[in-house]
Amino acid sequence: MELQFVHRSQDGQVLILAVFLEQQSTNRDLSRLWSSIPTTGDTAAEPIPLDPARLLPNRRKYYQYEGSLTHPPCTEGVHWYVLTDPLNISNQQLEHFSHLVPFNARPVQSLNGRKVTRSTRN
């Protein structure tokens, strides 16, 4: 599973920071976030305080490439940064999210000549 932070500049450029989620242990910050997701037909609950930095792994190594949005219209020119270290998530959290949001993964795309680089910082 993957968590995406989507950023759009005033001139329309898009940058996505992606974090993989790995089944191991409960992530309290994700539990708080997911408990506020409305079910079908419900309205959103009150905003919850959230520190996005708590949804990032401690080590910030990443892969970088230029790709596209993962949802229609799959616009090109998106700057992707995919962190190499995952966050933990429990099996129960995965099941809970799967009930709230149906399968929504886009099929894997070929590189089509894209260059993928990896950070060298620790």
PDB file of N, CA and C in Angstrom:
ATOM      1  N   MET A   1       0.850  -1.163   0.000  1.00  0.00           N
ATOM      2  CA  MET A   1       0.000   0.000   0.000  1.00  0.00           C
ATOM      3  C   MET A   1       0.897   1.228   0.000  1.00  0.00           C
ATOM      4  N   GLU A   2       0.361   2.323  -0.491  1.00  0.00           N
ATOM      5  CA  GLU A   2       1.157   3.542  -0.630  1.00  0.00           C
ATOM      6  C   GLU A   2       0.345   4.750  -0.182  1.00  0.00           C
ATOM      7  N   LEU A   3       0.990   5.623   0.545  1.00  0.00           N
ATOM      8  CA  LEU A   3       0.414   6.889   0.983  1.00  0.00           C
ATOM      9  C   LEU A   3       1.034   7.985   0.129  1.00  0.00           C
ATOM     10  N   GLN A   4       0.211   8.843  -0.479  1.00  0.00           N
ATOM     11  CA  GLN A   4       0.727   9.893  -1.362  1.00  0.00           C
ATOM     12  C   GLN A   4       0.363  11.275  -0.819  1.00  0.00           C
ATOM     13  N   PHE A   5       1.371  12.142  -0.758  1.00  0.00           N
ATOM     14  CA  PHE A   5       1.179  13.553  -0.415  1.00  0.00           C
ATOM     15  C   PHE A   5       1.284  14.322  -1.732  1.00  0.00           C
ATOM     16  N   VAL A   6       0.191  14.884  -2.189  1.00  0.00           N
ATOM     17  CA  VAL A   6       0.149  15.557  -3.489  1.00  0.00           C
ATOM     18  C   VAL A   6       0.230  17.061  -3.275  1.00  0.00           C
ATOM     19  N   HIS A   7       1.192  17.682  -3.942  1.00  0.00           N
ATOM     20  CA  HIS A   7       1.416  19.129  -3.840  1.00  0.00           C
ATOM     21  C   HIS A   7       1.274  19.746  -5.220  1.00  0.00           C
ATOM     22  N   ARG A   8       0.572  20.875  -5.295  1.00  0.00           N
ATOM     23  CA  ARG A   8       0.386  21.576  -6.568  1.00  0.00           C
ATOM     24  C   ARG A   8       0.783  23.034  -6.367  1.00  0.00           C
ATOM     25  N   SER A   9       1.705  23.527  -7.197  1.00  0.00           N
ATOM     26  CA  SER A   9       2.144  24.923  -7.104  1.00  0.00           C
ATOM     27  C   SER A   9       1.102  25.840  -7.742  1.00  0.00           C
ATOM     28  N   GLN A  10       1.239  27.116  -7.518  1.00  0.00           N
ATOM     29  CA  GLN A  10       0.296  28.080  -8.092  1.00  0.00           C
ATOM     30  C   GLN A  10       0.307  28.056  -9.613  1.00  0.00           C
ATOM     31  N   ASP A  11       1.462  27.677 -10.201  1.00  0.00           N
ATOM     32  CA  ASP A  11       1.513  27.625 -11.671  1.00  0.00           C
ATOM     33  C   ASP A  11       1.140  26.240 -12.216  1.00  0.00           C
ATOM     34  N   GLY A  12       0.613  25.352 -11.347  1.00  0.00           N
ATOM     35  CA  GLY A  12       0.076  24.081 -11.800  1.00  0.00           C
ATOM     36  C   GLY A  12       1.025  22.893 -11.796  1.00  0.00           C
ATOM     37  N   GLN A  13       2.289  23.101 -11.403  1.00  0.00           N
ATOM     38  CA  GLN A  13       3.213  21.969 -11.343  1.00  0.00           C
ATOM     39  C   GLN A  13       2.820  21.057 -10.171  1.00  0.00           C
ATOM     40  N   VAL A  14       3.022  19.751 -10.361  1.00  0.00           N
ATOM     41  CA  VAL A  14       2.622  18.774  -9.348  1.00  0.00           C
ATOM     42  C   VAL A  14       3.839  17.984  -8.880  1.00  0.00           C
ATOM     43  N   LEU A  15       3.945  17.838  -7.557  1.00  0.00           N
ATOM     44  CA  LEU A  15       4.970  17.022  -6.928  1.00  0.00           C
ATOM     45  C   LEU A  15       4.263  16.062  -5.986  1.00  0.00           C
ATOM     46  N   ILE A  16       4.631  14.785  -6.050  1.00  0.00           N
ATOM     47  CA  ILE A  16       4.036  13.788  -5.163  1.00  0.00           C
ATOM     48  C   ILE A  16       5.145  13.138  -4.351  1.00  0.00           C
ATOM     49  N   LEU A  17       4.959  13.126  -3.038  1.00  0.00           N
ATOM     50  CA  LEU A  17       5.836  12.419  -2.125  1.00  0.00           C
ATOM     51  C   LEU A  17       5.096  11.149  -1.723  1.00  0.00           C
ATOM     52  N   ALA A  18       5.668   9.989  -2.025  1.00  0.00           N
ATOM     53  CA  ALA A  18       5.003   8.711  -1.767  1.00  0.00           C
ATOM     54  C   ALA A  18       5.739   7.941  -0.679  1.00  0.00           C
ATOM     55  N   VAL A  19       4.961   7.294   0.196  1.00  0.00           N
ATOM     56  CA  VAL A  19       5.499   6.476   1.281  1.00  0.00           C
ATOM     57  C   VAL A  19       4.818   5.114   1.212  1.00  0.00           C
ATOM     58  N   PHE A  20       5.606   4.057   1.162  1.00  0.00           N
ATOM     59  CA  PHE A  20       5.037   2.713   1.178  1.00  0.00           C
ATOM     60  C   PHE A  20       4.608   2.362   2.596  1.00  0.00           C
ATOM     61  N   LEU A  21       3.570   1.537   2.707  1.00  0.00           N
ATOM     62  CA  LEU A  21       3.081   1.045   3.988  1.00  0.00           C
ATOM     63  C   LEU A  21       3.304  -0.457   4.021  1.00  0.00           C
ATOM     64  N   GLU A  22       3.879  -0.940   5.115  1.00  0.00           N
ATOM     65  CA  GLU A  22       4.238  -2.346   5.244  1.00  0.00           C
ATOM     66  C   GLU A  22       3.522  -2.948   6.454  1.00  0.00           C
ATOM     67  N   GLN A  23       2.915  -4.105   6.259  1.00  0.00           N
ATOM     68  CA  GLN A  23       2.183  -4.757   7.339  1.00  0.00           C
ATOM     69  C   GLN A  23       3.144  -5.242   8.421  1.00  0.00           C
ATOM     70  N   GLN A  24       3.039  -4.622   9.595  1.00  0.00           N
ATOM     71  CA  GLN A  24       3.853  -5.031  10.748  1.00  0.00           C
ATOM     72  C   GLN A  24       3.117  -4.708  12.042  1.00  0.00           C
ATOM     73  N   SER A  25       3.011  -3.422  12.345  1.00  0.00           N
ATOM     74  CA  SER A  25       2.405  -3.026  13.614  1.00  0.00           C
ATOM     75  C   SER A  25       1.498  -1.817  13.395  1.00  0.00           C
ATOM     76  N   THR A  26       0.667  -1.531  14.376  1.00  0.00           N
ATOM     77  CA  THR A  26      -0.296  -0.436  14.283  1.00  0.00           C
ATOM     78  C   THR A  26       0.398   0.919  14.196  1.00  0.00           C
ATOM     79  N   ASN A  27      -0.117   1.771  13.338  1.00  0.00           N
ATOM     80  CA  ASN A  27       0.364   3.137  13.202  1.00  0.00           C
ATOM     81  C   ASN A  27      -0.735   4.050  13.749  1.00  0.00           C
ATOM     82  N   ARG A  28      -0.507   4.637  14.908  1.00  0.00           N
ATOM     83  CA  ARG A  28      -1.535   5.453  15.574  1.00  0.00           C
ATOM     84  C   ARG A  28      -1.961   6.662  14.750  1.00  0.00           C
ATOM     85  N   ASP A  29      -1.002   7.284  14.080  1.00  0.00           N
ATOM     86  CA  ASP A  29      -1.339   8.473  13.288  1.00  0.00           C
ATOM     87  C   ASP A  29      -2.264   8.119  12.129  1.00  0.00           C
ATOM     88  N   LEU A  30      -2.030   6.986  11.490  1.00  0.00           N
ATOM     89  CA  LEU A  30      -2.922   6.562  10.414  1.00  0.00           C
ATOM     90  C   LEU A  30      -4.294   6.179  10.966  1.00  0.00           C
ATOM     91  N   SER A  31      -4.333   5.569  12.145  1.00  0.00           N
ATOM     92  CA  SER A  31      -5.622   5.222  12.761  1.00  0.00           C
ATOM     93  C   SER A  31      -6.464   6.476  12.981  1.00  0.00           C
ATOM     94  N   ARG A  32      -5.850   7.526  13.481  1.00  0.00           N
ATOM     95  CA  ARG A  32      -6.572   8.790  13.703  1.00  0.00           C
ATOM     96  C   ARG A  32      -7.063   9.369  12.385  1.00  0.00           C
ATOM     97  N   LEU A  33      -6.222   9.327  11.374  1.00  0.00           N
ATOM     98  CA  LEU A  33      -6.584   9.871  10.071  1.00  0.00           C
ATOM     99  C   LEU A  33      -7.729   9.075   9.459  1.00  0.00           C
ATOM    100  N   TRP A  34      -7.616   7.748   9.456  1.00  0.00           N
ATOM    101  CA  TRP A  34      -8.623   6.908   8.819  1.00  0.00           C
ATOM    102  C   TRP A  34      -9.943   6.912   9.567  1.00  0.00           C
ATOM    103  N   SER A  35      -9.912   7.183  10.865  1.00  0.00           N
ATOM    104  CA  SER A  35     -11.171   7.220  11.607  1.00  0.00           C
ATOM    105  C   SER A  35     -12.007   8.436  11.205  1.00  0.00           C
ATOM    106  N   SER A  36     -11.388   9.398  10.535  1.00  0.00           N
ATOM    107  CA  SER A  36     -12.124  10.595  10.109  1.00  0.00           C
ATOM    108  C   SER A  36     -12.616  10.497   8.662  1.00  0.00           C
ATOM    109  N   ILE A  37     -12.310   9.401   7.956  1.00  0.00           N
ATOM    110  CA  ILE A  37     -12.770   9.232   6.573  1.00  0.00           C
ATOM    111  C   ILE A  37     -14.261   8.922   6.599  1.00  0.00           C
ATOM    112  N   PRO A  38     -15.077   9.723   5.911  1.00  0.00           N
ATOM    113  CA  PRO A  38     -16.524   9.447   5.918  1.00  0.00           C
ATOM    114  C   PRO A  38     -16.854   8.201   5.108  1.00  0.00           C
ATOM    115  N   THR A  39     -17.863   7.482   5.540  1.00  0.00           N
ATOM    116  CA  THR A  39     -18.336   6.340   4.761  1.00  0.00           C
ATOM    117  C   THR A  39     -19.246   6.866   3.655  1.00  0.00           C
ATOM    118  N   THR A  40     -19.561   6.031   2.698  1.00  0.00           N
ATOM    119  CA  THR A  40     -20.389   6.428   1.560  1.00  0.00           C
ATOM    120  C   THR A  40     -21.683   7.066   2.046  1.00  0.00           C
ATOM    121  N   GLY A  41     -21.994   8.241   1.540  1.00  0.00           N
ATOM    122  CA  GLY A  41     -23.216   8.943   1.890  1.00  0.00           C
ATOM    123  C   GLY A  41     -23.089   9.828   3.112  1.00  0.00           C
ATOM    124  N   ASP A  42     -22.011   9.669   3.893  1.00  0.00           N
ATOM    125  CA  ASP A  42     -21.806  10.509   5.068  1.00  0.00           C
ATOM    126  C   ASP A  42     -21.051  11.771   4.672  1.00  0.00           C
ATOM    127  N   THR A  43     -21.153  12.771   5.520  1.00  0.00           N
ATOM    128  CA  THR A  43     -20.364  13.986   5.316  1.00  0.00           C
ATOM    129  C   THR A  43     -19.107  13.872   6.165  1.00  0.00           C
ATOM    130  N   ALA A  44     -18.106  14.620   5.802  1.00  0.00           N
ATOM    131  CA  ALA A  44     -16.832  14.582   6.518  1.00  0.00           C
ATOM    132  C   ALA A  44     -17.014  15.071   7.947  1.00  0.00           C
ATOM    133  N   ALA A  45     -16.273  14.451   8.844  1.00  0.00           N
ATOM    134  CA  ALA A  45     -16.274  14.873  10.241  1.00  0.00           C
ATOM    135  C   ALA A  45     -15.482  16.169  10.369  1.00  0.00           C
ATOM    136  N   GLU A  46     -15.445  16.692  11.569  1.00  0.00           N
ATOM    137  CA  GLU A  46     -14.645  17.889  11.830  1.00  0.00           C
ATOM    138  C   GLU A  46     -13.179  17.606  11.506  1.00  0.00           C
ATOM    139  N   PRO A  47     -12.442  18.621  11.067  1.00  0.00           N
ATOM    140  CA  PRO A  47     -11.017  18.423  10.786  1.00  0.00           C
ATOM    141  C   PRO A  47     -10.292  17.930  12.036  1.00  0.00           C
ATOM    142  N   ILE A  48      -9.286  17.098  11.838  1.00  0.00           N
ATOM    143  CA  ILE A  48      -8.489  16.628  12.961  1.00  0.00           C
ATOM    144  C   ILE A  48      -7.099  17.230  12.858  1.00  0.00           C
ATOM    145  N   PRO A  49      -6.466  17.524  13.987  1.00  0.00           N
ATOM    146  CA  PRO A  49      -5.088  18.028  13.916  1.00  0.00           C
ATOM    147  C   PRO A  49      -4.181  16.920  13.394  1.00  0.00           C
ATOM    148  N   LEU A  50      -3.311  17.274  12.476  1.00  0.00           N
ATOM    149  CA  LEU A  50      -2.445  16.275  11.861  1.00  0.00           C
ATOM    150  C   LEU A  50      -1.092  16.888  11.557  1.00  0.00           C
ATOM    151  N   ASP A  51      -0.047  16.229  11.975  1.00  0.00           N
ATOM    152  CA  ASP A  51       1.318  16.637  11.663  1.00  0.00           C
ATOM    153  C   ASP A  51       1.815  15.696  10.558  1.00  0.00           C
ATOM    154  N   PRO A  52       1.849  16.137   9.299  1.00  0.00           N
ATOM    155  CA  PRO A  52       2.251  15.253   8.194  1.00  0.00           C
ATOM    156  C   PRO A  52       3.633  14.640   8.386  1.00  0.00           C
ATOM    157  N   ALA A  53       4.515  15.309   9.106  1.00  0.00           N
ATOM    158  CA  ALA A  53       5.860  14.768   9.326  1.00  0.00           C
ATOM    159  C   ALA A  53       5.808  13.454  10.095  1.00  0.00           C
ATOM    160  N   ARG A  54       4.748  13.230  10.873  1.00  0.00           N
ATOM    161  CA  ARG A  54       4.604  11.975  11.617  1.00  0.00           C
ATOM    162  C   ARG A  54       4.202  10.823  10.700  1.00  0.00           C
ATOM    163  N   LEU A  55       3.863  11.136   9.457  1.00  0.00           N
ATOM    164  CA  LEU A  55       3.505  10.109   8.479  1.00  0.00           C
ATOM    165  C   LEU A  55       4.656   9.842   7.506  1.00  0.00           C
ATOM    166  N   LEU A  56       5.865  10.190   7.934  1.00  0.00           N
ATOM    167  CA  LEU A  56       7.068   9.945   7.137  1.00  0.00           C
ATOM    168  C   LEU A  56       8.036   9.095   7.946  1.00  0.00           C
ATOM    169  N   PRO A  57       8.770   8.199   7.291  1.00  0.00           N
ATOM    170  CA  PRO A  57       9.775   7.411   8.021  1.00  0.00           C
ATOM    171  C   PRO A  57      10.925   8.309   8.470  1.00  0.00           C
ATOM    172  N   ASN A  58      11.689   7.837   9.445  1.00  0.00           N
ATOM    173  CA  ASN A  58      12.817   8.631   9.963  1.00  0.00           C
ATOM    174  C   ASN A  58      13.878   8.870   8.908  1.00  0.00           C
ATOM    175  N   ARG A  59      14.208   7.825   8.160  1.00  0.00           N
ATOM    176  CA  ARG A  59      15.225   7.955   7.116  1.00  0.00           C
ATOM    177  C   ARG A  59      14.537   8.455   5.855  1.00  0.00           C
ATOM    178  N   ARG A  60      15.113   9.415   5.184  1.00  0.00           N
ATOM    179  CA  ARG A  60      14.456  10.073   4.054  1.00  0.00           C
ATOM    180  C   ARG A  60      15.142   9.811   2.723  1.00  0.00           C
ATOM    181  N   LYS A  61      15.689   8.616   2.525  1.00  0.00           N
ATOM    182  CA  LYS A  61      16.222   8.281   1.202  1.00  0.00           C
ATOM    183  C   LYS A  61      15.054   8.075   0.254  1.00  0.00           C
ATOM    184  N   TYR A  62      15.281   8.347  -1.028  1.00  0.00           N
ATOM    185  CA  TYR A  62      14.164   8.304  -1.972  1.00  0.00           C
ATOM    186  C   TYR A  62      14.622   7.971  -3.387  1.00  0.00           C
ATOM    187  N   TYR A  63      13.650   7.573  -4.194  1.00  0.00           N
ATOM    188  CA  TYR A  63      13.793   7.478  -5.642  1.00  0.00           C
ATOM    189  C   TYR A  63      13.086   8.688  -6.224  1.00  0.00           C
ATOM    190  N   GLN A  64      13.585   9.217  -7.339  1.00  0.00           N
ATOM    191  CA  GLN A  64      12.969  10.381  -7.971  1.00  0.00           C
ATOM    192  C   GLN A  64      12.842  10.123  -9.457  1.00  0.00           C
ATOM    193  N   TYR A  65      11.700  10.505 -10.007  1.00  0.00           N
ATOM    194  CA  TYR A  65      11.487  10.406 -11.452  1.00  0.00           C
ATOM    195  C   TYR A  65      10.346  11.326 -11.849  1.00  0.00           C
ATOM    196  N   GLU A  66      10.231  11.559 -13.141  1.00  0.00           N
ATOM    197  CA  GLU A  66       9.105  12.331 -13.662  1.00  0.00           C
ATOM    198  C   GLU A  66       8.117  11.339 -14.258  1.00  0.00           C
ATOM    199  N   GLY A  67       6.884  11.400 -13.788  1.00  0.00           N
ATOM    200  CA  GLY A  67       5.867  10.457 -14.237  1.00  0.00           C
ATOM    201  C   GLY A  67       4.534  11.139 -14.458  1.00  0.00           C
ATOM    202  N   SER A  68       3.476  10.475 -14.018  1.00  0.00           N
ATOM    203  CA  SER A  68       2.132  11.004 -14.228  1.00  0.00           C
ATOM    204  C   SER A  68       1.285  10.787 -12.982  1.00  0.00           C
ATOM    205  N   LEU A  69       0.117  11.397 -12.976  1.00  0.00           N
ATOM    206  CA  LEU A  69      -0.844  11.158 -11.909  1.00  0.00           C
ATOM    207  C   LEU A  69      -1.289   9.696 -11.977  1.00  0.00           C
ATOM    208  N   THR A  70      -1.692   9.142 -10.840  1.00  0.00           N
ATOM    209  CA  THR A  70      -2.122   7.743 -10.808  1.00  0.00           C
ATOM    210  C   THR A  70      -3.631   7.598 -10.969  1.00  0.00           C
ATOM    211  N   HIS A  71      -4.302   8.703 -11.221  1.00  0.00           N
ATOM    212  CA  HIS A  71      -5.757   8.676 -11.421  1.00  0.00           C
ATOM    213  C   HIS A  71      -6.085   9.506 -12.657  1.00  0.00           C
ATOM    214  N   PRO A  72      -7.215   9.229 -13.310  1.00  0.00           N
ATOM    215  CA  PRO A  72      -7.570   9.981 -14.526  1.00  0.00           C
ATOM    216  C   PRO A  72      -7.582  11.481 -14.249  1.00  0.00           C
ATOM    217  N   PRO A  73      -7.041  12.268 -15.144  1.00  0.00           N
ATOM    218  CA  PRO A  73      -6.666  11.948 -16.520  1.00  0.00           C
ATOM    219  C   PRO A  73      -5.217  11.481 -16.678  1.00  0.00           C
ATOM    220  N   CYS A  74      -4.559  11.057 -15.597  1.00  0.00           N
ATOM    221  CA  CYS A  74      -3.186  10.524 -15.647  1.00  0.00           C
ATOM    222  C   CYS A  74      -2.222  11.509 -16.307  1.00  0.00           C
ATOM    223  N   THR A  75      -2.356  12.768 -15.928  1.00  0.00           N
ATOM    224  CA  THR A  75      -1.558  13.859 -16.483  1.00  0.00           C
ATOM    225  C   THR A  75      -0.068  13.603 -16.285  1.00  0.00           C
ATOM    226  N   GLU A  76       0.716  13.832 -17.339  1.00  0.00           N
ATOM    227  CA  GLU A  76       2.176  13.680 -17.301  1.00  0.00           C
ATOM    228  C   GLU A  76       2.816  14.917 -16.675  1.00  0.00           C
ATOM    229  N   GLY A  77       4.126  14.824 -16.449  1.00  0.00           N
ATOM    230  CA  GLY A  77       4.888  15.962 -15.930  1.00  0.00           C
ATOM    231  C   GLY A  77       4.860  16.072 -14.417  1.00  0.00           C
ATOM    232  N   VAL A  78       4.516  14.989 -13.724  1.00  0.00           N
ATOM    233  CA  VAL A  78       4.465  14.991 -12.261  1.00  0.00           C
ATOM    234  C   VAL A  78       5.836  14.598 -11.714  1.00  0.00           C
ATOM    235  N   HIS A  79       6.336  15.354 -10.758  1.00  0.00           N
ATOM    236  CA  HIS A  79       7.618  15.073 -10.111  1.00  0.00           C
ATOM    237  C   HIS A  79       7.362  14.140  -8.931  1.00  0.00           C
ATOM    238  N   TRP A  80       7.883  12.919  -9.002  1.00  0.00           N
ATOM    239  CA  TRP A  80       7.674  11.896  -7.982  1.00  0.00           C
ATOM    240  C   TRP A  80       8.908  11.746  -7.113  1.00  0.00           C
ATOM    241  N   TYR A  81       8.697  11.655  -5.803  1.00  0.00           N
ATOM    242  CA  TYR A  81       9.719  11.311  -4.823  1.00  0.00           C
ATOM    243  C   TYR A  81       9.130  10.172  -3.997  1.00  0.00           C
ATOM    244  N   VAL A  82       9.716   8.985  -4.113  1.00  0.00           N
ATOM    245  CA  VAL A  82       9.213   7.799  -3.433  1.00  0.00           C
ATOM    246  C   VAL A  82      10.229   7.410  -2.360  1.00  0.00           C
ATOM    247  N   LEU A  83       9.840   7.530  -1.100  1.00  0.00           N
ATOM    248  CA  LEU A  83      10.755   7.207  -0.015  1.00  0.00           C
ATOM    249  C   LEU A  83      11.041   5.710   0.002  1.00  0.00           C
ATOM    250  N   THR A  84      12.297   5.339   0.286  1.00  0.00           N
ATOM    251  CA  THR A  84      12.695   3.934   0.238  1.00  0.00           C
ATOM    252  C   THR A  84      12.268   3.158   1.483  1.00  0.00           C
ATOM    253  N   ASP A  85      12.149   3.831   2.626  1.00  0.00           N
ATOM    254  CA  ASP A  85      11.759   3.151   3.860  1.00  0.00           C
ATOM    255  C   ASP A  85      10.252   3.250   4.058  1.00  0.00           C
ATOM    256  N   PRO A  86       9.608   2.140   4.405  1.00  0.00           N
ATOM    257  CA  PRO A  86       8.150   2.159   4.600  1.00  0.00           C
ATOM    258  C   PRO A  86       7.760   2.571   6.014  1.00  0.00           C
ATOM    259  N   LEU A  87       6.493   2.888   6.170  1.00  0.00           N
ATOM    260  CA  LEU A  87       5.874   3.055   7.484  1.00  0.00           C
ATOM    261  C   LEU A  87       5.167   1.752   7.830  1.00  0.00           C
ATOM    262  N   ASN A  88       5.033   1.486   9.113  1.00  0.00           N
ATOM    263  CA  ASN A  88       4.310   0.290   9.546  1.00  0.00           C
ATOM    264  C   ASN A  88       2.807   0.522   9.518  1.00  0.00           C
ATOM    265  N   ILE A  89       2.097  -0.560   9.280  1.00  0.00           N
ATOM    266  CA  ILE A  89       0.638  -0.566   9.309  1.00  0.00           C
ATOM    267  C   ILE A  89       0.235  -1.973   9.764  1.00  0.00           C
ATOM    268  N   SER A  90      -0.822  -2.072  10.537  1.00  0.00           N
ATOM    269  CA  SER A  90      -1.271  -3.392  10.997  1.00  0.00           C
ATOM    270  C   SER A  90      -2.212  -4.018   9.977  1.00  0.00           C
ATOM    271  N   ASN A  91      -2.374  -5.315  10.072  1.00  0.00           N
ATOM    272  CA  ASN A  91      -3.311  -6.020   9.209  1.00  0.00           C
ATOM    273  C   ASN A  91      -4.721  -5.479   9.424  1.00  0.00           C
ATOM    274  N   GLN A  92      -5.073  -5.177  10.665  1.00  0.00           N
ATOM    275  CA  GLN A  92      -6.389  -4.621  10.986  1.00  0.00           C
ATOM    276  C   GLN A  92      -6.583  -3.262  10.305  1.00  0.00           C
ATOM    277  N   GLN A  93      -5.546  -2.435  10.307  1.00  0.00           N
ATOM    278  CA  GLN A  93      -5.649  -1.133   9.640  1.00  0.00           C
ATOM    279  C   GLN A  93      -5.830  -1.310   8.139  1.00  0.00           C
ATOM    280  N   LEU A  94      -5.115  -2.242   7.560  1.00  0.00           N
ATOM    281  CA  LEU A  94      -5.251  -2.501   6.127  1.00  0.00           C
ATOM    282  C   LEU A  94      -6.673  -2.950   5.797  1.00  0.00           C
ATOM    283  N   GLU A  95      -7.211  -3.842   6.578  1.00  0.00           N
ATOM    284  CA  GLU A  95      -8.578  -4.307   6.356  1.00  0.00           C
ATOM    285  C   GLU A  95      -9.579  -3.173   6.522  1.00  0.00           C
ATOM    286  N   HIS A  96      -9.383  -2.338   7.540  1.00  0.00           N
ATOM    287  CA  HIS A  96     -10.285  -1.200   7.778  1.00  0.00           C
ATOM    288  C   HIS A  96     -10.287  -0.264   6.571  1.00  0.00           C
ATOM    289  N   PHE A  97      -9.091   0.078   6.077  1.00  0.00           N
ATOM    290  CA  PHE A  97      -8.999   0.975   4.927  1.00  0.00           C
ATOM    291  C   PHE A  97      -9.629   0.338   3.691  1.00  0.00           C
ATOM    292  N   SER A  98      -9.414  -0.954   3.494  1.00  0.00           N
ATOM    293  CA  SER A  98      -9.969  -1.651   2.334  1.00  0.00           C
ATOM    294  C   SER A  98     -11.493  -1.605   2.312  1.00  0.00           C
ATOM    295  N   HIS A  99     -12.109  -1.559   3.489  1.00  0.00           N
ATOM    296  CA  HIS A  99     -13.569  -1.441   3.551  1.00  0.00           C
ATOM    297  C   HIS A  99     -14.023  -0.012   3.247  1.00  0.00           C
ATOM    298  N   LEU A 100     -13.201   0.969   3.629  1.00  0.00           N
ATOM    299  CA  LEU A 100     -13.553   2.370   3.387  1.00  0.00           C
ATOM    300  C   LEU A 100     -13.335   2.780   1.940  1.00  0.00           C
ATOM    301  N   VAL A 101     -12.244   2.308   1.361  1.00  0.00           N
ATOM    302  CA  VAL A 101     -11.863   2.698  -0.002  1.00  0.00           C
ATOM    303  C   VAL A 101     -11.627   1.425  -0.811  1.00  0.00           C
ATOM    304  N   PRO A 102     -12.425   1.213  -1.851  1.00  0.00           N
ATOM    305  CA  PRO A 102     -12.230  -0.005  -2.653  1.00  0.00           C
ATOM    306  C   PRO A 102     -10.894   0.027  -3.384  1.00  0.00           C
ATOM    307  N   PHE A 103     -10.519  -1.102  -3.944  1.00  0.00           N
ATOM    308  CA  PHE A 103      -9.256  -1.210  -4.687  1.00  0.00           C
ATOM    309  C   PHE A 103      -9.149  -0.045  -5.672  1.00  0.00           C
ATOM    310  N   ASN A 104      -8.048   0.683  -5.584  1.00  0.00           N
ATOM    311  CA  ASN A 104      -7.913   1.868  -6.434  1.00  0.00           C
ATOM    312  C   ASN A 104      -6.524   1.997  -7.040  1.00  0.00           C
ATOM    313  N   ALA A 105      -5.821   0.886  -7.230  1.00  0.00           N
ATOM    314  CA  ALA A 105      -4.466   0.944  -7.772  1.00  0.00           C
ATOM    315  C   ALA A 105      -4.486   0.969  -9.289  1.00  0.00           C
ATOM    316  N   ARG A 106      -3.642   1.792  -9.841  1.00  0.00           N
ATOM    317  CA  ARG A 106      -3.448   1.832 -11.288  1.00  0.00           C
ATOM    318  C   ARG A 106      -2.461   0.730 -11.653  1.00  0.00           C
ATOM    319  N   PRO A 107      -2.664   0.062 -12.782  1.00  0.00           N
ATOM    320  CA  PRO A 107      -1.692  -0.967 -13.184  1.00  0.00           C
ATOM    321  C   PRO A 107      -0.288  -0.375 -13.303  1.00  0.00           C
ATOM    322  N   VAL A 108       0.717  -1.179 -13.029  1.00  0.00           N
ATOM    323  CA  VAL A 108       2.103  -0.748 -13.148  1.00  0.00           C
ATOM    324  C   VAL A 108       2.363  -0.329 -14.591  1.00  0.00           C
ATOM    325  N   GLN A 109       3.049   0.785 -14.756  1.00  0.00           N
ATOM    326  CA  GLN A 109       3.359   1.322 -16.072  1.00  0.00           C
ATOM    327  C   GLN A 109       4.819   1.040 -16.416  1.00  0.00           C
ATOM    328  N   SER A 110       5.114   0.883 -17.680  1.00  0.00           N
ATOM    329  CA  SER A 110       6.502   0.700 -18.092  1.00  0.00           C
ATOM    330  C   SER A 110       7.247   2.028 -17.958  1.00  0.00           C
ATOM    331  N   LEU A 111       8.563   1.958 -17.894  1.00  0.00           N
ATOM    332  CA  LEU A 111       9.363   3.174 -17.729  1.00  0.00           C
ATOM    333  C   LEU A 111       9.272   4.104 -18.936  1.00  0.00           C
ATOM    334  N   ASN A 112       9.074   3.568 -20.134  1.00  0.00           N
ATOM    335  CA  ASN A 112       8.985   4.397 -21.340  1.00  0.00           C
ATOM    336  C   ASN A 112      10.127   5.397 -21.438  1.00  0.00           C
ATOM    337  N   GLY A 113      11.336   4.942 -21.130  1.00  0.00           N
ATOM    338  CA  GLY A 113      12.514   5.799 -21.246  1.00  0.00           C
ATOM    339  C   GLY A 113      12.741   6.735 -20.081  1.00  0.00           C
ATOM    340  N   ARG A 114      11.898   6.691 -19.065  1.00  0.00           N
ATOM    341  CA  ARG A 114      12.086   7.568 -17.905  1.00  0.00           C
ATOM    342  C   ARG A 114      13.350   7.190 -17.151  1.00  0.00           C
ATOM    343  N   LYS A 115      13.998   8.187 -16.591  1.00  0.00           N
ATOM    344  CA  LYS A 115      15.187   7.968 -15.786  1.00  0.00           C
ATOM    345  C   LYS A 115      14.782   8.037 -14.314  1.00  0.00           C
ATOM    346  N   VAL A 116      15.140   6.999 -13.557  1.00  0.00           N
ATOM    347  CA  VAL A 116      14.879   6.968 -12.127  1.00  0.00           C
ATOM    348  C   VAL A 116      16.197   7.127 -11.405  1.00  0.00           C
ATOM    349  N   THR A 117      16.269   8.095 -10.494  1.00  0.00           N
ATOM    350  CA  THR A 117      17.505   8.306  -9.721  1.00  0.00           C
ATOM    351  C   THR A 117      17.209   7.984  -8.257  1.00  0.00           C
ATOM    352  N   ARG A 118      18.294   7.692  -7.530  1.00  0.00           N
ATOM    353  CA  ARG A 118      18.168   7.378  -6.110  1.00  0.00           C
ATOM    354  C   ARG A 118      19.020   8.376  -5.322  1.00  0.00           C
ATOM    355  N   SER A 119      18.473   8.846  -4.211  1.00  0.00           N
ATOM    356  CA  SER A 119      19.220   9.793  -3.383  1.00  0.00           C
ATOM    357  C   SER A 119      20.428   9.099  -2.780  1.00  0.00           C
ATOM    358  N   THR A 120      21.427   9.873  -2.462  1.00  0.00           N
ATOM    359  CA  THR A 120      22.631   9.316  -1.859  1.00  0.00           C
ATOM    360  C   THR A 120      22.832   9.806  -0.430  1.00  0.00           C
ATOM    361  N   ARG A 121      21.958  10.667   0.031  1.00  0.00           N
ATOM    362  CA  ARG A 121      22.096  11.162   1.402  1.00  0.00           C
ATOM    363  C   ARG A 121      21.621  10.102   2.388  1.00  0.00           C
ATOM    364  N   ASN A 122      22.107  10.171   3.615  1.00  0.00           N
ATOM    365  CA  ASN A 122      21.711   9.198   4.647  1.00  0.00           C
ATOM    366  C   ASN A 122      20.492   9.639   5.391  1.00  0.00           C
TER     367      ASN A 122
END
